[in-house]
């Protein structure tokens, strides 16, 4: 029997930007890889309920996928109320919502970044690799 390693933490990874070097977007010439590390207890007791309350308050259901690109471009559920997706992991959605604001912090440090302001007191570490 294989032993299962259990941890008190969950790790959700997501990216923002293009990882290729063929066609670089001059407006966003970075690639951000974000890891959201959260305690399981915080995830279950705080993050998931907060995201569920948000979805219920604005859409009346919890099937909306929070995707930063869709929010910014007013696409998908942000143009209509319903979305069809295979996964509805709150942790992956959280990582997706965090990736671009963190990349913008590095790319344009003097630019106003309201999304990052909401995250600042929750960030434990921010590392930029060359």
N, C-alpha and C. Protein backbone atom coordinates (compact mmCIF):
# COMPACT_ATOMS: atom_id res chain seq x y z
N UNK A 1 0.84 -1.17 0.00
CA UNK A 1 0.00 0.00 0.00
C UNK A 1 0.89 1.24 0.00
N UNK A 2 0.53 2.23 -0.81
CA UNK A 2 1.29 3.46 -0.90
C UNK A 2 0.85 4.42 0.20
N UNK A 3 1.82 5.01 0.88
CA UNK A 3 1.51 5.96 1.94
C UNK A 3 1.04 7.28 1.33
N UNK A 4 0.06 7.87 1.93
CA UNK A 4 -0.45 9.16 1.48
C UNK A 4 0.16 10.24 2.37
N UNK A 5 0.84 11.18 1.76
CA UNK A 5 1.43 12.27 2.51
C UNK A 5 0.35 13.34 2.67
N UNK A 6 0.08 13.67 3.91
CA UNK A 6 -0.95 14.65 4.18
C UNK A 6 -0.31 15.90 4.75
N UNK A 7 -0.80 17.03 4.35
CA UNK A 7 -0.25 18.31 4.78
C UNK A 7 -1.36 19.19 5.31
N UNK A 8 -1.01 20.19 6.07
CA UNK A 8 -1.97 21.17 6.56
C UNK A 8 -2.21 22.27 5.53
N UNK A 9 -1.51 22.20 4.40
CA UNK A 9 -1.57 23.27 3.40
C UNK A 9 -2.02 22.75 2.04
N UNK A 10 -2.62 23.65 1.27
CA UNK A 10 -2.96 23.40 -0.13
C UNK A 10 -2.16 24.39 -0.96
N UNK A 11 -1.75 23.96 -2.15
CA UNK A 11 -1.02 24.84 -3.06
C UNK A 11 -1.78 24.90 -4.37
N UNK A 12 -2.09 26.13 -4.80
CA UNK A 12 -2.76 26.35 -6.07
C UNK A 12 -1.83 27.18 -6.94
N UNK A 13 -1.59 26.73 -8.16
CA UNK A 13 -0.68 27.43 -9.07
C UNK A 13 -1.45 27.95 -10.28
N UNK A 14 -1.03 29.12 -10.75
CA UNK A 14 -1.61 29.67 -11.96
C UNK A 14 -0.60 30.61 -12.58
N UNK A 15 -0.84 31.00 -13.83
CA UNK A 15 0.09 31.86 -14.54
C UNK A 15 -0.65 33.01 -15.18
N UNK A 16 0.09 34.04 -15.51
CA UNK A 16 -0.45 35.16 -16.26
C UNK A 16 0.61 35.57 -17.26
N UNK A 17 0.18 35.88 -18.45
CA UNK A 17 1.14 36.24 -19.50
C UNK A 17 1.43 35.06 -20.38
N UNK A 18 2.35 35.25 -21.30
CA UNK A 18 2.70 34.22 -22.28
C UNK A 18 4.07 33.65 -21.96
N UNK A 19 4.15 32.34 -21.85
CA UNK A 19 5.42 31.70 -21.53
C UNK A 19 6.32 31.52 -22.75
N UNK A 20 5.79 31.78 -23.92
CA UNK A 20 6.58 31.65 -25.14
C UNK A 20 7.38 32.90 -25.44
N UNK A 21 8.39 32.77 -26.26
CA UNK A 21 9.21 33.92 -26.63
C UNK A 21 9.03 34.30 -28.09
N UNK A 22 8.07 33.68 -28.77
CA UNK A 22 7.87 33.91 -30.19
C UNK A 22 7.17 35.25 -30.44
N UNK A 23 6.03 35.47 -29.79
CA UNK A 23 5.31 36.73 -29.97
C UNK A 23 5.07 37.33 -28.59
N UNK A 24 5.80 38.37 -28.25
CA UNK A 24 5.72 38.99 -26.93
C UNK A 24 4.75 40.16 -26.99
N UNK A 25 3.80 40.17 -26.08
CA UNK A 25 2.82 41.25 -25.97
C UNK A 25 3.52 42.46 -25.35
N UNK A 26 3.65 43.54 -26.09
CA UNK A 26 4.34 44.72 -25.60
C UNK A 26 3.61 45.38 -24.44
N UNK A 27 2.30 45.18 -24.33
CA UNK A 27 1.53 45.75 -23.23
C UNK A 27 1.70 44.95 -21.93
N UNK A 28 2.09 43.70 -22.05
CA UNK A 28 2.25 42.83 -20.88
C UNK A 28 3.40 41.84 -21.14
N UNK A 29 4.64 42.34 -21.22
CA UNK A 29 5.78 41.50 -21.61
C UNK A 29 6.38 40.71 -20.45
N UNK A 30 5.53 40.10 -19.64
CA UNK A 30 6.01 39.31 -18.50
C UNK A 30 5.27 37.99 -18.47
N UNK A 31 5.85 37.07 -17.76
CA UNK A 31 5.20 35.81 -17.46
C UNK A 31 5.24 35.66 -15.94
N UNK A 32 4.07 35.57 -15.33
CA UNK A 32 3.97 35.43 -13.87
C UNK A 32 3.49 34.03 -13.54
N UNK A 33 4.18 33.40 -12.63
CA UNK A 33 3.77 32.10 -12.11
C UNK A 33 3.50 32.29 -10.63
N UNK A 34 2.25 32.04 -10.23
CA UNK A 34 1.81 32.33 -8.87
C UNK A 34 1.45 31.04 -8.15
N UNK A 35 1.90 30.95 -6.91
CA UNK A 35 1.53 29.84 -6.05
C UNK A 35 0.81 30.41 -4.83
N UNK A 36 -0.45 30.04 -4.66
CA UNK A 36 -1.19 30.43 -3.47
C UNK A 36 -1.10 29.26 -2.49
N UNK A 37 -0.45 29.48 -1.38
CA UNK A 37 -0.30 28.45 -0.35
C UNK A 37 -1.21 28.85 0.81
N UNK A 38 -2.19 28.00 1.08
CA UNK A 38 -3.15 28.31 2.13
C UNK A 38 -3.30 27.12 3.08
N UNK A 39 -3.57 27.42 4.32
CA UNK A 39 -3.87 26.34 5.27
C UNK A 39 -5.22 25.75 4.91
N UNK A 40 -5.32 24.43 4.99
CA UNK A 40 -6.57 23.75 4.65
C UNK A 40 -7.73 24.30 5.47
N UNK A 41 -7.49 24.52 6.75
CA UNK A 41 -8.55 25.03 7.62
C UNK A 41 -9.02 26.41 7.15
N UNK A 42 -8.10 27.30 6.79
CA UNK A 42 -8.47 28.61 6.27
C UNK A 42 -9.22 28.50 4.95
N UNK A 43 -8.80 27.56 4.11
CA UNK A 43 -9.45 27.36 2.82
C UNK A 43 -10.91 26.95 3.02
N UNK A 44 -11.12 25.95 3.87
CA UNK A 44 -12.46 25.42 4.10
C UNK A 44 -13.35 26.39 4.88
N UNK A 45 -12.77 27.05 5.88
CA UNK A 45 -13.59 27.88 6.77
C UNK A 45 -13.72 29.33 6.32
N UNK A 46 -12.78 29.83 5.51
CA UNK A 46 -12.81 31.24 5.15
C UNK A 46 -12.90 31.48 3.64
N UNK A 47 -11.97 30.91 2.88
CA UNK A 47 -11.89 31.22 1.45
C UNK A 47 -13.09 30.70 0.68
N UNK A 48 -13.39 29.41 0.82
CA UNK A 48 -14.51 28.83 0.07
C UNK A 48 -15.84 29.50 0.45
N UNK A 49 -16.14 29.65 1.74
CA UNK A 49 -17.41 30.33 2.06
C UNK A 49 -17.47 31.77 1.54
N UNK A 50 -16.36 32.49 1.60
CA UNK A 50 -16.36 33.88 1.11
C UNK A 50 -16.60 33.92 -0.40
N UNK A 51 -15.98 33.00 -1.14
CA UNK A 51 -16.18 32.99 -2.59
C UNK A 51 -17.61 32.53 -2.92
N UNK A 52 -18.14 31.59 -2.16
CA UNK A 52 -19.51 31.15 -2.38
C UNK A 52 -20.49 32.30 -2.10
N UNK A 53 -20.27 33.04 -1.02
CA UNK A 53 -21.14 34.19 -0.70
C UNK A 53 -21.09 35.24 -1.81
N UNK A 54 -19.89 35.51 -2.32
CA UNK A 54 -19.73 36.47 -3.41
C UNK A 54 -20.53 36.04 -4.64
N UNK A 55 -20.38 34.78 -5.02
CA UNK A 55 -21.08 34.27 -6.20
C UNK A 55 -22.60 34.28 -6.01
N UNK A 56 -23.04 33.89 -4.84
CA UNK A 56 -24.49 33.88 -4.57
C UNK A 56 -25.05 35.30 -4.57
N UNK A 57 -24.30 36.23 -4.02
CA UNK A 57 -24.77 37.62 -3.94
C UNK A 57 -24.90 38.27 -5.31
N UNK A 58 -23.96 37.98 -6.22
CA UNK A 58 -23.96 38.64 -7.52
C UNK A 58 -24.65 37.86 -8.62
N UNK A 59 -24.62 36.52 -8.56
CA UNK A 59 -25.19 35.73 -9.65
C UNK A 59 -26.34 34.83 -9.22
N UNK A 60 -26.50 34.63 -7.92
CA UNK A 60 -27.59 33.77 -7.45
C UNK A 60 -27.29 32.29 -7.55
N UNK A 61 -26.07 31.93 -7.91
CA UNK A 61 -25.62 30.53 -7.97
C UNK A 61 -24.10 30.52 -7.85
N UNK A 62 -23.54 29.32 -7.72
CA UNK A 62 -22.08 29.24 -7.51
C UNK A 62 -21.34 28.63 -8.70
N UNK A 63 -21.96 28.58 -9.86
CA UNK A 63 -21.33 27.97 -11.03
C UNK A 63 -20.49 28.95 -11.85
N UNK A 64 -20.42 30.20 -11.43
CA UNK A 64 -19.62 31.20 -12.12
C UNK A 64 -18.14 30.92 -11.85
N UNK A 65 -17.34 30.94 -12.89
CA UNK A 65 -15.90 30.78 -12.76
C UNK A 65 -15.26 32.15 -12.76
N UNK A 66 -14.56 32.48 -11.69
CA UNK A 66 -13.88 33.77 -11.60
C UNK A 66 -12.55 33.67 -12.33
N UNK A 67 -12.48 34.32 -13.47
CA UNK A 67 -11.28 34.30 -14.29
C UNK A 67 -10.90 35.74 -14.59
N UNK A 68 -9.70 36.14 -14.20
CA UNK A 68 -9.27 37.54 -14.29
C UNK A 68 -9.46 38.12 -15.67
N UNK A 69 -9.11 37.40 -16.72
CA UNK A 69 -9.25 37.89 -18.10
C UNK A 69 -10.70 38.20 -18.43
N UNK A 70 -11.60 37.31 -18.04
CA UNK A 70 -13.02 37.52 -18.31
C UNK A 70 -13.56 38.74 -17.56
N UNK A 71 -13.10 38.92 -16.33
CA UNK A 71 -13.55 40.08 -15.56
C UNK A 71 -13.04 41.36 -16.21
N UNK A 72 -11.76 41.39 -16.55
CA UNK A 72 -11.15 42.58 -17.13
C UNK A 72 -11.75 42.93 -18.49
N UNK A 73 -12.06 41.91 -19.30
CA UNK A 73 -12.60 42.12 -20.65
C UNK A 73 -14.13 42.05 -20.69
N UNK A 74 -14.75 41.87 -19.51
CA UNK A 74 -16.20 41.77 -19.41
C UNK A 74 -16.75 40.69 -20.34
N UNK A 75 -16.18 39.51 -20.24
CA UNK A 75 -16.59 38.36 -21.06
C UNK A 75 -17.23 37.29 -20.17
N UNK A 76 -17.74 36.27 -20.82
CA UNK A 76 -18.28 35.13 -20.09
C UNK A 76 -19.37 35.54 -19.12
N UNK A 77 -19.26 35.08 -17.88
CA UNK A 77 -20.32 35.37 -16.90
C UNK A 77 -20.39 36.85 -16.52
N UNK A 78 -19.42 37.60 -16.96
CA UNK A 78 -19.41 39.02 -16.65
C UNK A 78 -20.09 39.82 -17.76
N UNK A 79 -20.51 39.12 -18.79
CA UNK A 79 -21.36 39.70 -19.83
C UNK A 79 -22.75 39.07 -19.69
N UNK A 80 -22.81 37.82 -19.27
CA UNK A 80 -24.05 37.08 -19.01
C UNK A 80 -23.90 36.40 -17.66
N UNK A 81 -24.94 35.72 -17.23
CA UNK A 81 -24.91 35.16 -15.87
C UNK A 81 -24.47 33.72 -15.78
N UNK A 82 -24.34 32.99 -16.88
CA UNK A 82 -24.03 31.57 -16.78
C UNK A 82 -22.77 31.23 -17.54
N UNK A 83 -22.08 30.19 -17.06
CA UNK A 83 -20.84 29.75 -17.69
C UNK A 83 -20.76 28.24 -17.61
N UNK A 84 -20.17 27.65 -18.63
CA UNK A 84 -19.97 26.21 -18.65
C UNK A 84 -18.48 25.92 -18.54
N UNK A 85 -18.05 25.31 -17.47
CA UNK A 85 -16.64 24.98 -17.25
C UNK A 85 -16.55 23.58 -16.66
N UNK A 86 -15.42 22.92 -16.86
CA UNK A 86 -15.23 21.58 -16.32
C UNK A 86 -14.88 21.60 -14.84
N UNK A 87 -14.18 22.63 -14.41
CA UNK A 87 -13.73 22.69 -13.02
C UNK A 87 -14.25 23.93 -12.34
N UNK A 88 -14.52 23.80 -11.06
CA UNK A 88 -14.98 24.95 -10.30
C UNK A 88 -14.19 25.05 -9.00
N UNK A 89 -12.89 24.82 -9.07
CA UNK A 89 -12.05 24.87 -7.88
C UNK A 89 -11.85 26.31 -7.44
N UNK A 90 -12.27 26.62 -6.23
CA UNK A 90 -12.11 27.97 -5.71
C UNK A 90 -10.63 28.34 -5.59
N UNK A 91 -9.80 27.39 -5.23
CA UNK A 91 -8.36 27.67 -5.10
C UNK A 91 -7.71 28.04 -6.41
N UNK A 92 -8.06 27.35 -7.50
CA UNK A 92 -7.51 27.69 -8.81
C UNK A 92 -8.02 29.04 -9.28
N UNK A 93 -9.27 29.34 -8.97
CA UNK A 93 -9.80 30.64 -9.33
C UNK A 93 -9.07 31.74 -8.55
N UNK A 94 -8.80 31.47 -7.29
CA UNK A 94 -8.06 32.44 -6.47
C UNK A 94 -6.68 32.69 -7.05
N UNK A 95 -5.96 31.64 -7.42
CA UNK A 95 -4.64 31.79 -8.02
C UNK A 95 -4.72 32.57 -9.33
N UNK A 96 -5.76 32.32 -10.12
CA UNK A 96 -5.93 33.04 -11.37
C UNK A 96 -6.16 34.54 -11.12
N UNK A 97 -6.94 34.85 -10.12
CA UNK A 97 -7.25 36.25 -9.83
C UNK A 97 -6.03 37.01 -9.28
N UNK A 98 -5.09 36.30 -8.69
CA UNK A 98 -3.91 36.92 -8.07
C UNK A 98 -2.77 37.11 -9.07
N UNK A 99 -2.68 36.28 -10.08
CA UNK A 99 -1.52 36.25 -10.97
C UNK A 99 -1.25 37.58 -11.68
N UNK A 100 -2.24 38.13 -12.36
CA UNK A 100 -2.01 39.37 -13.12
C UNK A 100 -1.71 40.57 -12.22
N UNK A 101 -2.46 40.81 -11.14
CA UNK A 101 -2.11 41.94 -10.28
C UNK A 101 -0.67 41.87 -9.75
N UNK A 102 -0.21 40.67 -9.43
CA UNK A 102 1.18 40.54 -8.96
C UNK A 102 2.17 40.82 -10.07
N UNK A 103 1.87 40.36 -11.27
CA UNK A 103 2.77 40.63 -12.40
C UNK A 103 2.79 42.13 -12.71
N UNK A 104 1.62 42.77 -12.65
CA UNK A 104 1.57 44.21 -12.91
C UNK A 104 2.33 45.00 -11.86
N UNK A 105 2.37 44.50 -10.64
CA UNK A 105 3.14 45.15 -9.58
C UNK A 105 4.60 45.28 -9.99
N UNK A 106 5.12 44.25 -10.61
CA UNK A 106 6.51 44.25 -11.06
C UNK A 106 6.68 45.05 -12.35
N UNK A 107 5.75 44.85 -13.28
CA UNK A 107 5.86 45.47 -14.59
C UNK A 107 5.66 46.99 -14.54
N UNK A 108 4.66 47.43 -13.81
CA UNK A 108 4.33 48.86 -13.71
C UNK A 108 4.13 49.25 -12.25
N UNK A 109 5.21 49.36 -11.49
CA UNK A 109 5.09 49.60 -10.05
C UNK A 109 4.41 50.92 -9.68
N UNK A 110 4.43 51.91 -10.55
CA UNK A 110 3.82 53.20 -10.24
C UNK A 110 2.35 53.28 -10.65
N UNK A 111 1.86 52.26 -11.33
CA UNK A 111 0.47 52.25 -11.80
C UNK A 111 -0.46 51.84 -10.66
N UNK A 112 -1.61 52.49 -10.57
CA UNK A 112 -2.62 52.11 -9.58
C UNK A 112 -3.03 50.66 -9.81
N UNK A 113 -3.17 49.91 -8.73
CA UNK A 113 -3.46 48.48 -8.83
C UNK A 113 -4.41 48.11 -7.69
N UNK A 114 -5.71 48.37 -7.88
CA UNK A 114 -6.69 48.14 -6.81
C UNK A 114 -6.77 46.68 -6.39
N UNK A 115 -6.62 45.77 -7.34
CA UNK A 115 -6.67 44.35 -6.99
C UNK A 115 -5.53 43.99 -6.05
N UNK A 116 -4.35 44.54 -6.32
CA UNK A 116 -3.21 44.26 -5.46
C UNK A 116 -3.38 44.89 -4.08
N UNK A 117 -3.99 46.04 -4.02
CA UNK A 117 -4.23 46.69 -2.72
C UNK A 117 -5.06 45.78 -1.82
N UNK A 118 -6.00 45.07 -2.40
CA UNK A 118 -6.83 44.14 -1.63
C UNK A 118 -6.03 42.93 -1.15
N UNK A 119 -4.93 42.63 -1.85
CA UNK A 119 -4.13 41.45 -1.52
C UNK A 119 -2.95 41.75 -0.60
N UNK A 120 -2.50 42.99 -0.57
CA UNK A 120 -1.24 43.34 0.10
C UNK A 120 -1.08 42.77 1.50
N UNK A 121 -2.09 42.85 2.34
CA UNK A 121 -1.94 42.38 3.71
C UNK A 121 -2.05 40.86 3.83
N UNK A 122 -2.33 40.19 2.70
CA UNK A 122 -2.47 38.73 2.71
C UNK A 122 -1.25 38.02 2.11
N UNK A 123 -0.37 38.79 1.46
CA UNK A 123 0.80 38.20 0.81
C UNK A 123 1.89 37.93 1.83
N UNK A 124 2.40 36.72 1.81
CA UNK A 124 3.50 36.38 2.70
C UNK A 124 4.84 36.54 2.02
N UNK A 125 4.88 36.31 0.71
CA UNK A 125 6.13 36.36 0.00
C UNK A 125 5.87 36.73 -1.45
N UNK A 126 6.75 37.50 -2.00
CA UNK A 126 6.66 37.91 -3.41
C UNK A 126 8.07 37.85 -3.96
N UNK A 127 8.33 36.95 -4.88
CA UNK A 127 9.66 36.75 -5.42
C UNK A 127 9.64 36.98 -6.92
N UNK A 128 10.57 37.81 -7.40
CA UNK A 128 10.72 38.06 -8.83
C UNK A 128 12.00 37.39 -9.29
N UNK A 129 11.88 36.54 -10.30
CA UNK A 129 13.04 35.88 -10.86
C UNK A 129 13.43 36.58 -12.16
N UNK A 130 14.71 36.71 -12.40
CA UNK A 130 15.15 37.40 -13.64
C UNK A 130 14.65 36.70 -14.88
